[in-house]
Amino acid sequence: MGSFVIEKGATGAFHFNLQADNNEIVLTSQHYASKQKAEEGIASVKANAGTPERFKHHTSKDGKPYFTLVAANGETIGTSEMYASKEKAEEGCAAVAKLAAAATTVDQA
């Protein structure tokens, strides 16, 4: 089922991670000024993760593939980890799409 875990960082900013059942982080958000904005980011992931066109594929400076999930306005909602191959990045996209809709929210802020 997965879960969105909201955390508050040392600087006071909030972010969330989408975690799979095995606690592996499959998507990390940007930092938000408030918990409410982080919760709105979670709602945006849920709304956009079912649309394949919202996943944008990139390559890091050291050649590793990763992806971002973007909202309809093009704003980045979350970023994946770096993957060993393009195929693994595709599997990551599929995991986000599958997990996001039913994921619960855990407040650790």
PDB file of N, CA and C in Angstrom:
ATOM      1  N   MET A   1       0.823  -1.197   0.000  1.00  0.00           N
ATOM      2  CA  MET A   1       0.000   0.000   0.000  1.00  0.00           C
ATOM      3  C   MET A   1       0.864   1.255   0.000  1.00  0.00           C
ATOM      4  N   GLY A   2       1.923   1.328   0.764  1.00  0.00           N
ATOM      5  CA  GLY A   2       2.795   2.488   0.784  1.00  0.00           C
ATOM      6  C   GLY A   2       2.277   3.591   1.686  1.00  0.00           C
ATOM      7  N   SER A   3       3.150   4.570   1.906  1.00  0.00           N
ATOM      8  CA  SER A   3       2.755   5.699   2.740  1.00  0.00           C
ATOM      9  C   SER A   3       3.550   6.945   2.381  1.00  0.00           C
ATOM     10  N   PHE A   4       2.893   8.072   2.568  1.00  0.00           N
ATOM     11  CA  PHE A   4       3.547   9.368   2.475  1.00  0.00           C
ATOM     12  C   PHE A   4       3.971   9.715   3.897  1.00  0.00           C
ATOM     13  N   VAL A   5       5.246   9.961   4.097  1.00  0.00           N
ATOM     14  CA  VAL A   5       5.759  10.294   5.421  1.00  0.00           C
ATOM     15  C   VAL A   5       6.177  11.761   5.410  1.00  0.00           C
ATOM     16  N   ILE A   6       5.488  12.564   6.226  1.00  0.00           N
ATOM     17  CA  ILE A   6       5.809  13.987   6.335  1.00  0.00           C
ATOM     18  C   ILE A   6       6.824  14.171   7.456  1.00  0.00           C
ATOM     19  N   GLU A   7       7.873  14.915   7.158  1.00  0.00           N
ATOM     20  CA  GLU A   7       8.916  15.188   8.142  1.00  0.00           C
ATOM     21  C   GLU A   7       9.225  16.681   8.164  1.00  0.00           C
ATOM     22  N   LYS A   8       9.731  17.138   9.298  1.00  0.00           N
ATOM     23  CA  LYS A   8      10.169  18.520   9.442  1.00  0.00           C
ATOM     24  C   LYS A   8      11.680  18.496   9.603  1.00  0.00           C
ATOM     25  N   GLY A   9      12.378  19.216   8.731  1.00  0.00           N
ATOM     26  CA  GLY A   9      13.829  19.230   8.763  1.00  0.00           C
ATOM     27  C   GLY A   9      14.385  20.186   9.802  1.00  0.00           C
ATOM     28  N   ALA A  10      15.693  20.173   9.932  1.00  0.00           N
ATOM     29  CA  ALA A  10      16.385  21.003  10.922  1.00  0.00           C
ATOM     30  C   ALA A  10      16.167  22.496  10.682  1.00  0.00           C
ATOM     31  N   THR A  11      15.921  22.870   9.440  1.00  0.00           N
ATOM     32  CA  THR A  11      15.709  24.287   9.116  1.00  0.00           C
ATOM     33  C   THR A  11      14.265  24.727   9.352  1.00  0.00           C
ATOM     34  N   GLY A  12      13.400  23.771   9.709  1.00  0.00           N
ATOM     35  CA  GLY A  12      11.993  24.085   9.931  1.00  0.00           C
ATOM     36  C   GLY A  12      11.114  23.857   8.715  1.00  0.00           C
ATOM     37  N   ALA A  13      11.725  23.491   7.580  1.00  0.00           N
ATOM     38  CA  ALA A  13      10.958  23.219   6.367  1.00  0.00           C
ATOM     39  C   ALA A  13      10.393  21.794   6.423  1.00  0.00           C
ATOM     40  N   PHE A  14       9.280  21.606   5.757  1.00  0.00           N
ATOM     41  CA  PHE A  14       8.611  20.300   5.700  1.00  0.00           C
ATOM     42  C   PHE A  14       8.839  19.665   4.336  1.00  0.00           C
ATOM     43  N   HIS A  15       8.883  18.352   4.307  1.00  0.00           N
ATOM     44  CA  HIS A  15       8.920  17.600   3.054  1.00  0.00           C
ATOM     45  C   HIS A  15       8.256  16.250   3.299  1.00  0.00           C
ATOM     46  N   PHE A  16       8.021  15.518   2.221  1.00  0.00           N
ATOM     47  CA  PHE A  16       7.478  14.173   2.376  1.00  0.00           C
ATOM     48  C   PHE A  16       8.219  13.210   1.477  1.00  0.00           C
ATOM     49  N   ASN A  17       8.185  11.963   1.873  1.00  0.00           N
ATOM     50  CA  ASN A  17       8.701  10.856   1.071  1.00  0.00           C
ATOM     51  C   ASN A  17       7.560   9.887   0.837  1.00  0.00           C
ATOM     52  N   LEU A  18       7.469   9.369  -0.373  1.00  0.00           N
ATOM     53  CA  LEU A  18       6.555   8.270  -0.654  1.00  0.00           C
ATOM     54  C   LEU A  18       7.360   6.997  -0.486  1.00  0.00           C
ATOM     55  N   GLN A  19       6.929   6.167   0.473  1.00  0.00           N
ATOM     56  CA  GLN A  19       7.646   4.935   0.783  1.00  0.00           C
ATOM     57  C   GLN A  19       6.822   3.725   0.384  1.00  0.00           C
ATOM     58  N   ALA A  20       7.522   2.731  -0.163  1.00  0.00           N
ATOM     59  CA  ALA A  20       6.892   1.447  -0.465  1.00  0.00           C
ATOM     60  C   ALA A  20       6.717   0.670   0.835  1.00  0.00           C
ATOM     61  N   ASP A  21       6.038  -0.449   0.766  1.00  0.00           N
ATOM     62  CA  ASP A  21       5.797  -1.279   1.950  1.00  0.00           C
ATOM     63  C   ASP A  21       7.089  -1.741   2.621  1.00  0.00           C
ATOM     64  N   ASN A  22       8.162  -1.859   1.848  1.00  0.00           N
ATOM     65  CA  ASN A  22       9.449  -2.284   2.399  1.00  0.00           C
ATOM     66  C   ASN A  22      10.260  -1.087   2.931  1.00  0.00           C
ATOM     67  N   ASN A  23       9.599   0.069   3.034  1.00  0.00           N
ATOM     68  CA  ASN A  23      10.187   1.334   3.507  1.00  0.00           C
ATOM     69  C   ASN A  23      11.173   1.972   2.536  1.00  0.00           C
ATOM     70  N   GLU A  24      11.279   1.441   1.340  1.00  0.00           N
ATOM     71  CA  GLU A  24      12.126   2.066   0.329  1.00  0.00           C
ATOM     72  C   GLU A  24      11.462   3.359  -0.132  1.00  0.00           C
ATOM     73  N   ILE A  25      12.234   4.425  -0.189  1.00  0.00           N
ATOM     74  CA  ILE A  25      11.718   5.722  -0.646  1.00  0.00           C
ATOM     75  C   ILE A  25      11.719   5.732  -2.166  1.00  0.00           C
ATOM     76  N   VAL A  26      10.542   5.971  -2.760  1.00  0.00           N
ATOM     77  CA  VAL A  26      10.432   5.978  -4.217  1.00  0.00           C
ATOM     78  C   VAL A  26      10.242   7.388  -4.780  1.00  0.00           C
ATOM     79  N   LEU A  27       9.912   8.360  -3.918  1.00  0.00           N
ATOM     80  CA  LEU A  27       9.742   9.740  -4.369  1.00  0.00           C
ATOM     81  C   LEU A  27       9.950  10.665  -3.175  1.00  0.00           C
ATOM     82  N   THR A  28      10.679  11.757  -3.394  1.00  0.00           N
ATOM     83  CA  THR A  28      10.927  12.754  -2.355  1.00  0.00           C
ATOM     84  C   THR A  28      10.459  14.106  -2.856  1.00  0.00           C
ATOM     85  N   SER A  29       9.766  14.840  -2.001  1.00  0.00           N
ATOM     86  CA  SER A  29       9.240  16.146  -2.390  1.00  0.00           C
ATOM     87  C   SER A  29      10.286  17.244  -2.242  1.00  0.00           C
ATOM     88  N   GLN A  30       9.904  18.397  -2.723  1.00  0.00           N
ATOM     89  CA  GLN A  30      10.662  19.617  -2.449  1.00  0.00           C
ATOM     90  C   GLN A  30      10.413  20.007  -0.990  1.00  0.00           C
ATOM     91  N   HIS A  31      11.041  21.067  -0.527  1.00  0.00           N
ATOM     92  CA  HIS A  31      10.797  21.553   0.830  1.00  0.00           C
ATOM     93  C   HIS A  31       9.684  22.599   0.813  1.00  0.00           C
ATOM     94  N   TYR A  32       8.844  22.557   1.828  1.00  0.00           N
ATOM     95  CA  TYR A  32       7.702  23.455   1.951  1.00  0.00           C
ATOM     96  C   TYR A  32       7.810  24.250   3.244  1.00  0.00           C
ATOM     97  N   ALA A  33       7.265  25.462   3.231  1.00  0.00           N
ATOM     98  CA  ALA A  33       7.307  26.334   4.405  1.00  0.00           C
ATOM     99  C   ALA A  33       6.354  25.874   5.504  1.00  0.00           C
ATOM    100  N   SER A  34       5.305  25.135   5.135  1.00  0.00           N
ATOM    101  CA  SER A  34       4.324  24.702   6.138  1.00  0.00           C
ATOM    102  C   SER A  34       3.914  23.258   5.896  1.00  0.00           C
ATOM    103  N   LYS A  35       3.388  22.631   6.942  1.00  0.00           N
ATOM    104  CA  LYS A  35       2.891  21.264   6.819  1.00  0.00           C
ATOM    105  C   LYS A  35       1.697  21.221   5.864  1.00  0.00           C
ATOM    106  N   GLN A  36       0.866  22.265   5.897  1.00  0.00           N
ATOM    107  CA  GLN A  36      -0.292  22.317   5.003  1.00  0.00           C
ATOM    108  C   GLN A  36       0.158  22.264   3.538  1.00  0.00           C
ATOM    109  N   LYS A  37       1.231  22.979   3.203  1.00  0.00           N
ATOM    110  CA  LYS A  37       1.734  22.953   1.822  1.00  0.00           C
ATOM    111  C   LYS A  37       2.267  21.566   1.464  1.00  0.00           C
ATOM    112  N   ALA A  38       2.904  20.892   2.408  1.00  0.00           N
ATOM    113  CA  ALA A  38       3.368  19.522   2.168  1.00  0.00           C
ATOM    114  C   ALA A  38       2.180  18.603   1.918  1.00  0.00           C
ATOM    115  N   GLU A  39       1.105  18.783   2.693  1.00  0.00           N
ATOM    116  CA  GLU A  39      -0.109  17.978   2.493  1.00  0.00           C
ATOM    117  C   GLU A  39      -0.730  18.261   1.125  1.00  0.00           C
ATOM    118  N   GLU A  40      -0.668  19.506   0.678  1.00  0.00           N
ATOM    119  CA  GLU A  40      -1.156  19.842  -0.664  1.00  0.00           C
ATOM    120  C   GLU A  40      -0.276  19.175  -1.731  1.00  0.00           C
ATOM    121  N   GLY A  41       1.030  19.089  -1.454  1.00  0.00           N
ATOM    122  CA  GLY A  41       1.927  18.384  -2.365  1.00  0.00           C
ATOM    123  C   GLY A  41       1.580  16.911  -2.473  1.00  0.00           C
ATOM    124  N   ILE A  42       1.223  16.300  -1.361  1.00  0.00           N
ATOM    125  CA  ILE A  42       0.795  14.894  -1.368  1.00  0.00           C
ATOM    126  C   ILE A  42      -0.457  14.740  -2.228  1.00  0.00           C
ATOM    127  N   ALA A  43      -1.409  15.646  -2.061  1.00  0.00           N
ATOM    128  CA  ALA A  43      -2.634  15.594  -2.871  1.00  0.00           C
ATOM    129  C   ALA A  43      -2.300  15.727  -4.355  1.00  0.00           C
ATOM    130  N   SER A  44      -1.315  16.542  -4.671  1.00  0.00           N
ATOM    131  CA  SER A  44      -0.908  16.713  -6.064  1.00  0.00           C
ATOM    132  C   SER A  44      -0.256  15.450  -6.612  1.00  0.00           C
ATOM    133  N   VAL A  45       0.556  14.768  -5.802  1.00  0.00           N
ATOM    134  CA  VAL A  45       1.133  13.489  -6.238  1.00  0.00           C
ATOM    135  C   VAL A  45       0.010  12.507  -6.536  1.00  0.00           C
ATOM    136  N   LYS A  46      -0.951  12.409  -5.628  1.00  0.00           N
ATOM    137  CA  LYS A  46      -2.072  11.490  -5.842  1.00  0.00           C
ATOM    138  C   LYS A  46      -2.834  11.818  -7.116  1.00  0.00           C
ATOM    139  N   ALA A  47      -3.001  13.110  -7.404  1.00  0.00           N
ATOM    140  CA  ALA A  47      -3.755  13.536  -8.583  1.00  0.00           C
ATOM    141  C   ALA A  47      -2.988  13.318  -9.885  1.00  0.00           C
ATOM    142  N   ASN A  48      -1.661  13.366  -9.828  1.00  0.00           N
ATOM    143  CA  ASN A  48      -0.864  13.336 -11.059  1.00  0.00           C
ATOM    144  C   ASN A  48      -0.151  12.025 -11.343  1.00  0.00           C
ATOM    145  N   ALA A  49       0.040  11.182 -10.338  1.00  0.00           N
ATOM    146  CA  ALA A  49       0.838   9.965 -10.518  1.00  0.00           C
ATOM    147  C   ALA A  49       0.198   8.955 -11.465  1.00  0.00           C
ATOM    148  N   GLY A  50      -1.098   9.045 -11.684  1.00  0.00           N
ATOM    149  CA  GLY A  50      -1.772   8.131 -12.594  1.00  0.00           C
ATOM    150  C   GLY A  50      -1.681   8.536 -14.051  1.00  0.00           C
ATOM    151  N   THR A  51      -1.004   9.644 -14.333  1.00  0.00           N
ATOM    152  CA  THR A  51      -0.867  10.150 -15.702  1.00  0.00           C
ATOM    153  C   THR A  51       0.579   9.972 -16.160  1.00  0.00           C
ATOM    154  N   PRO A  52       0.838   9.018 -17.038  1.00  0.00           N
ATOM    155  CA  PRO A  52       2.223   8.727 -17.443  1.00  0.00           C
ATOM    156  C   PRO A  52       2.992   9.943 -17.966  1.00  0.00           C
ATOM    157  N   GLU A  53       2.299  10.869 -18.620  1.00  0.00           N
ATOM    158  CA  GLU A  53       2.966  12.045 -19.188  1.00  0.00           C
ATOM    159  C   GLU A  53       3.529  12.976 -18.115  1.00  0.00           C
ATOM    160  N   ARG A  54       3.121  12.782 -16.869  1.00  0.00           N
ATOM    161  CA  ARG A  54       3.602  13.640 -15.769  1.00  0.00           C
ATOM    162  C   ARG A  54       4.972  13.200 -15.248  1.00  0.00           C
ATOM    163  N   PHE A  55       5.431  12.026 -15.694  1.00  0.00           N
ATOM    164  CA  PHE A  55       6.751  11.552 -15.296  1.00  0.00           C
ATOM    165  C   PHE A  55       7.765  12.011 -16.338  1.00  0.00           C
ATOM    166  N   LYS A  56       8.770  12.746 -15.895  1.00  0.00           N
ATOM    167  CA  LYS A  56       9.810  13.269 -16.788  1.00  0.00           C
ATOM    168  C   LYS A  56      11.127  12.566 -16.453  1.00  0.00           C
ATOM    169  N   HIS A  57      11.761  12.038 -17.479  1.00  0.00           N
ATOM    170  CA  HIS A  57      12.998  11.281 -17.284  1.00  0.00           C
ATOM    171  C   HIS A  57      14.204  12.186 -17.503  1.00  0.00           C
ATOM    172  N   HIS A  58      15.195  11.994 -16.632  1.00  0.00           N
ATOM    173  CA  HIS A  58      16.410  12.808 -16.665  1.00  0.00           C
ATOM    174  C   HIS A  58      17.619  11.903 -16.484  1.00  0.00           C
ATOM    175  N   THR A  59      18.785  12.486 -16.723  1.00  0.00           N
ATOM    176  CA  THR A  59      20.046  11.812 -16.456  1.00  0.00           C
ATOM    177  C   THR A  59      20.897  12.748 -15.612  1.00  0.00           C
ATOM    178  N   SER A  60      21.430  12.232 -14.507  1.00  0.00           N
ATOM    179  CA  SER A  60      22.261  13.045 -13.620  1.00  0.00           C
ATOM    180  C   SER A  60      23.608  13.342 -14.277  1.00  0.00           C
ATOM    181  N   LYS A  61      24.366  14.244 -13.681  1.00  0.00           N
ATOM    182  CA  LYS A  61      25.680  14.600 -14.210  1.00  0.00           C
ATOM    183  C   LYS A  61      26.613  13.404 -14.303  1.00  0.00           C
ATOM    184  N   ASP A  62      26.415  12.424 -13.411  1.00  0.00           N
ATOM    185  CA  ASP A  62      27.272  11.231 -13.465  1.00  0.00           C
ATOM    186  C   ASP A  62      26.648  10.088 -14.266  1.00  0.00           C
ATOM    187  N   GLY A  63      25.611  10.423 -15.061  1.00  0.00           N
ATOM    188  CA  GLY A  63      25.062   9.455 -16.003  1.00  0.00           C
ATOM    189  C   GLY A  63      23.985   8.525 -15.475  1.00  0.00           C
ATOM    190  N   LYS A  64      23.502   8.775 -14.262  1.00  0.00           N
ATOM    191  CA  LYS A  64      22.479   7.889 -13.700  1.00  0.00           C
ATOM    192  C   LYS A  64      21.076   8.411 -14.014  1.00  0.00           C
ATOM    193  N   PRO A  65      20.179   7.511 -14.443  1.00  0.00           N
ATOM    194  CA  PRO A  65      18.809   7.936 -14.735  1.00  0.00           C
ATOM    195  C   PRO A  65      17.997   8.153 -13.459  1.00  0.00           C
ATOM    196  N   TYR A  66      17.094   9.114 -13.534  1.00  0.00           N
ATOM    197  CA  TYR A  66      16.128   9.372 -12.474  1.00  0.00           C
ATOM    198  C   TYR A  66      14.918  10.036 -13.113  1.00  0.00           C
ATOM    199  N   PHE A  67      13.876  10.259 -12.332  1.00  0.00           N
ATOM    200  CA  PHE A  67      12.692  10.910 -12.877  1.00  0.00           C
ATOM    201  C   PHE A  67      12.146  11.932 -11.894  1.00  0.00           C
ATOM    202  N   THR A  68      11.359  12.838 -12.450  1.00  0.00           N
ATOM    203  CA  THR A  68      10.588  13.763 -11.628  1.00  0.00           C
ATOM    204  C   THR A  68       9.117  13.570 -11.975  1.00  0.00           C
ATOM    205  N   LEU A  69       8.268  13.880 -11.018  1.00  0.00           N
ATOM    206  CA  LEU A  69       6.824  13.902 -11.241  1.00  0.00           C
ATOM    207  C   LEU A  69       6.428  15.363 -11.244  1.00  0.00           C
ATOM    208  N   VAL A  70       5.740  15.792 -12.301  1.00  0.00           N
ATOM    209  CA  VAL A  70       5.357  17.194 -12.425  1.00  0.00           C
ATOM    210  C   VAL A  70       3.840  17.339 -12.435  1.00  0.00           C
ATOM    211  N   ALA A  71       3.389  18.492 -11.963  1.00  0.00           N
ATOM    212  CA  ALA A  71       1.967  18.825 -11.980  1.00  0.00           C
ATOM    213  C   ALA A  71       1.584  19.309 -13.380  1.00  0.00           C
ATOM    214  N   ALA A  72       0.304  19.537 -13.585  1.00  0.00           N
ATOM    215  CA  ALA A  72      -0.192  19.994 -14.883  1.00  0.00           C
ATOM    216  C   ALA A  72       0.458  21.315 -15.301  1.00  0.00           C
ATOM    217  N   ASN A  73       0.844  22.143 -14.322  1.00  0.00           N
ATOM    218  CA  ASN A  73       1.470  23.425 -14.634  1.00  0.00           C
ATOM    219  C   ASN A  73       2.978  23.299 -14.883  1.00  0.00           C
ATOM    220  N   GLY A  74       3.509  22.075 -14.847  1.00  0.00           N
ATOM    221  CA  GLY A  74       4.918  21.842 -15.104  1.00  0.00           C
ATOM    222  C   GLY A  74       5.809  21.911 -13.876  1.00  0.00           C
ATOM    223  N   GLU A  75       5.244  22.268 -12.731  1.00  0.00           N
ATOM    224  CA  GLU A  75       6.033  22.372 -11.508  1.00  0.00           C
ATOM    225  C   GLU A  75       6.378  20.986 -10.977  1.00  0.00           C
ATOM    226  N   THR A  76       7.624  20.805 -10.567  1.00  0.00           N
ATOM    227  CA  THR A  76       8.061  19.526 -10.025  1.00  0.00           C
ATOM    228  C   THR A  76       7.425  19.289  -8.664  1.00  0.00           C
ATOM    229  N   ILE A  77       6.822  18.115  -8.488  1.00  0.00           N
ATOM    230  CA  ILE A  77       6.196  17.729  -7.225  1.00  0.00           C
ATOM    231  C   ILE A  77       7.143  16.859  -6.418  1.00  0.00           C
ATOM    232  N   GLY A  78       7.869  15.981  -7.113  1.00  0.00           N
ATOM    233  CA  GLY A  78       8.763  15.057  -6.430  1.00  0.00           C
ATOM    234  C   GLY A  78       9.852  14.553  -7.354  1.00  0.00           C
ATOM    235  N   THR A  79      10.915  14.040  -6.737  1.00  0.00           N
ATOM    236  CA  THR A  79      12.077  13.540  -7.455  1.00  0.00           C
ATOM    237  C   THR A  79      12.408  12.137  -6.947  1.00  0.00           C
ATOM    238  N   SER A  80      12.798  11.280  -7.860  1.00  0.00           N
ATOM    239  CA  SER A  80      13.159   9.907  -7.492  1.00  0.00           C
ATOM    240  C   SER A  80      14.608   9.840  -7.039  1.00  0.00           C
ATOM    241  N   GLU A  81      14.996   8.650  -6.625  1.00  0.00           N
ATOM    242  CA  GLU A  81      16.396   8.358  -6.365  1.00  0.00           C
ATOM    243  C   GLU A  81      17.105   8.198  -7.710  1.00  0.00           C
ATOM    244  N   MET A  82      18.414   8.050  -7.684  1.00  0.00           N
ATOM    245  CA  MET A  82      19.173   7.735  -8.891  1.00  0.00           C
ATOM    246  C   MET A  82      19.122   6.223  -9.091  1.00  0.00           C
ATOM    247  N   TYR A  83      18.966   5.807 -10.338  1.00  0.00           N
ATOM    248  CA  TYR A  83      18.839   4.389 -10.654  1.00  0.00           C
ATOM    249  C   TYR A  83      20.046   3.905 -11.446  1.00  0.00           C
ATOM    250  N   ALA A  84      20.254   2.599 -11.427  1.00  0.00           N
ATOM    251  CA  ALA A  84      21.365   1.982 -12.140  1.00  0.00           C
ATOM    252  C   ALA A  84      21.094   1.871 -13.635  1.00  0.00           C
ATOM    253  N   SER A  85      19.817   1.874 -14.028  1.00  0.00           N
ATOM    254  CA  SER A  85      19.476   1.734 -15.443  1.00  0.00           C
ATOM    255  C   SER A  85      18.165   2.453 -15.737  1.00  0.00           C
ATOM    256  N   LYS A  86      17.947   2.702 -17.012  1.00  0.00           N
ATOM    257  CA  LYS A  86      16.701   3.321 -17.456  1.00  0.00           C
ATOM    258  C   LYS A  86      15.507   2.424 -17.117  1.00  0.00           C
ATOM    259  N   GLU A  87      15.705   1.118 -17.236  1.00  0.00           N
ATOM    260  CA  GLU A  87      14.631   0.160 -16.939  1.00  0.00           C
ATOM    261  C   GLU A  87      14.219   0.237 -15.468  1.00  0.00           C
ATOM    262  N   LYS A  88      15.214   0.379 -14.579  1.00  0.00           N
ATOM    263  CA  LYS A  88      14.912   0.494 -13.148  1.00  0.00           C
ATOM    264  C   LYS A  88      14.178   1.801 -12.861  1.00  0.00           C
ATOM    265  N   ALA A  89      14.528   2.864 -13.567  1.00  0.00           N
ATOM    266  CA  ALA A  89      13.817   4.137 -13.409  1.00  0.00           C
ATOM    267  C   ALA A  89      12.360   3.982 -13.852  1.00  0.00           C
ATOM    268  N   GLU A  90      12.137   3.244 -14.939  1.00  0.00           N
ATOM    269  CA  GLU A  90      10.767   2.977 -15.397  1.00  0.00           C
ATOM    270  C   GLU A  90       9.985   2.204 -14.334  1.00  0.00           C
ATOM    271  N   GLU A  91      10.639   1.231 -13.711  1.00  0.00           N
ATOM    272  CA  GLU A  91       9.997   0.474 -12.632  1.00  0.00           C
ATOM    273  C   GLU A  91       9.654   1.406 -11.461  1.00  0.00           C
ATOM    274  N   GLY A  92      10.526   2.370 -11.204  1.00  0.00           N
ATOM    275  CA  GLY A  92      10.256   3.352 -10.155  1.00  0.00           C
ATOM    276  C   GLY A  92       9.030   4.183 -10.456  1.00  0.00           C
ATOM    277  N   CYS A  93       8.881   4.604 -11.703  1.00  0.00           N
ATOM    278  CA  CYS A  93       7.684   5.359 -12.117  1.00  0.00           C
ATOM    279  C   CYS A  93       6.434   4.522 -11.883  1.00  0.00           C
ATOM    280  N   ALA A  94       6.497   3.271 -12.277  1.00  0.00           N
ATOM    281  CA  ALA A  94       5.351   2.377 -12.099  1.00  0.00           C
ATOM    282  C   ALA A  94       5.031   2.193 -10.621  1.00  0.00           C
ATOM    283  N   ALA A  95       6.060   2.124  -9.785  1.00  0.00           N
ATOM    284  CA  ALA A  95       5.825   1.978  -8.344  1.00  0.00           C
ATOM    285  C   ALA A  95       5.135   3.211  -7.775  1.00  0.00           C
ATOM    286  N   VAL A  96       5.576   4.395  -8.184  1.00  0.00           N
ATOM    287  CA  VAL A  96       4.928   5.629  -7.712  1.00  0.00           C
ATOM    288  C   VAL A  96       3.471   5.648  -8.156  1.00  0.00           C
ATOM    289  N   ALA A  97       3.216   5.342  -9.418  1.00  0.00           N
ATOM    290  CA  ALA A  97       1.850   5.345  -9.940  1.00  0.00           C
ATOM    291  C   ALA A  97       0.970   4.367  -9.159  1.00  0.00           C
ATOM    292  N   LYS A  98       1.508   3.204  -8.849  1.00  0.00           N
ATOM    293  CA  LYS A  98       0.732   2.181  -8.133  1.00  0.00           C
ATOM    294  C   LYS A  98       0.501   2.562  -6.667  1.00  0.00           C
ATOM    295  N   LEU A  99       1.538   3.071  -6.017  1.00  0.00           N
ATOM    296  CA  LEU A  99       1.462   3.341  -4.581  1.00  0.00           C
ATOM    297  C   LEU A  99       0.687   4.598  -4.220  1.00  0.00           C
ATOM    298  N   ALA A 100       0.817   5.644  -5.037  1.00  0.00           N
ATOM    299  CA  ALA A 100       0.322   6.960  -4.651  1.00  0.00           C
ATOM    300  C   ALA A 100      -1.168   6.998  -4.343  1.00  0.00           C
ATOM    301  N   ALA A 101      -1.974   6.383  -5.167  1.00  0.00           N
ATOM    302  CA  ALA A 101      -3.427   6.502  -5.014  1.00  0.00           C
ATOM    303  C   ALA A 101      -3.934   5.997  -3.666  1.00  0.00           C
ATOM    304  N   ALA A 102      -3.374   4.904  -3.178  1.00  0.00           N
ATOM    305  CA  ALA A 102      -3.888   4.288  -1.944  1.00  0.00           C
ATOM    306  C   ALA A 102      -2.996   4.536  -0.726  1.00  0.00           C
ATOM    307  N   ALA A 103      -1.900   5.269  -0.905  1.00  0.00           N
ATOM    308  CA  ALA A 103      -0.957   5.465   0.191  1.00  0.00           C
ATOM    309  C   ALA A 103      -1.590   6.255   1.327  1.00  0.00           C
ATOM    310  N   THR A 104      -1.272   5.842   2.537  1.00  0.00           N
ATOM    311  CA  THR A 104      -1.703   6.574   3.724  1.00  0.00           C
ATOM    312  C   THR A 104      -0.698   7.676   4.009  1.00  0.00           C
ATOM    313  N   THR A 105      -1.060   8.601   4.884  1.00  0.00           N
ATOM    314  CA  THR A 105      -0.148   9.670   5.280  1.00  0.00           C
ATOM    315  C   THR A 105       0.247   9.475   6.742  1.00  0.00           C
ATOM    316  N   VAL A 106       1.552   9.518   6.975  1.00  0.00           N
ATOM    317  CA  VAL A 106       2.112   9.387   8.314  1.00  0.00           C
ATOM    318  C   VAL A 106       2.790  10.708   8.664  1.00  0.00           C
ATOM    319  N   ASP A 107       2.341  11.346   9.739  1.00  0.00           N
ATOM    320  CA  ASP A 107       2.896  12.627  10.141  1.00  0.00           C
ATOM    321  C   ASP A 107       3.994  12.412  11.177  1.00  0.00           C
ATOM    322  N   GLN A 108       5.244  12.630  10.745  1.00  0.00           N
ATOM    323  CA  GLN A 108       6.373  12.522  11.668  1.00  0.00           C
ATOM    324  C   GLN A 108       6.997  13.889  11.908  1.00  0.00           C
ATOM    325  N   ALA A 109       6.273  14.943  11.561  1.00  0.00           N
ATOM    326  CA  ALA A 109       6.796  16.306  11.696  1.00  0.00           C
ATOM    327  C   ALA A 109       6.815  16.749  13.146  1.00  0.00           C
TER     328      ALA A 109
END
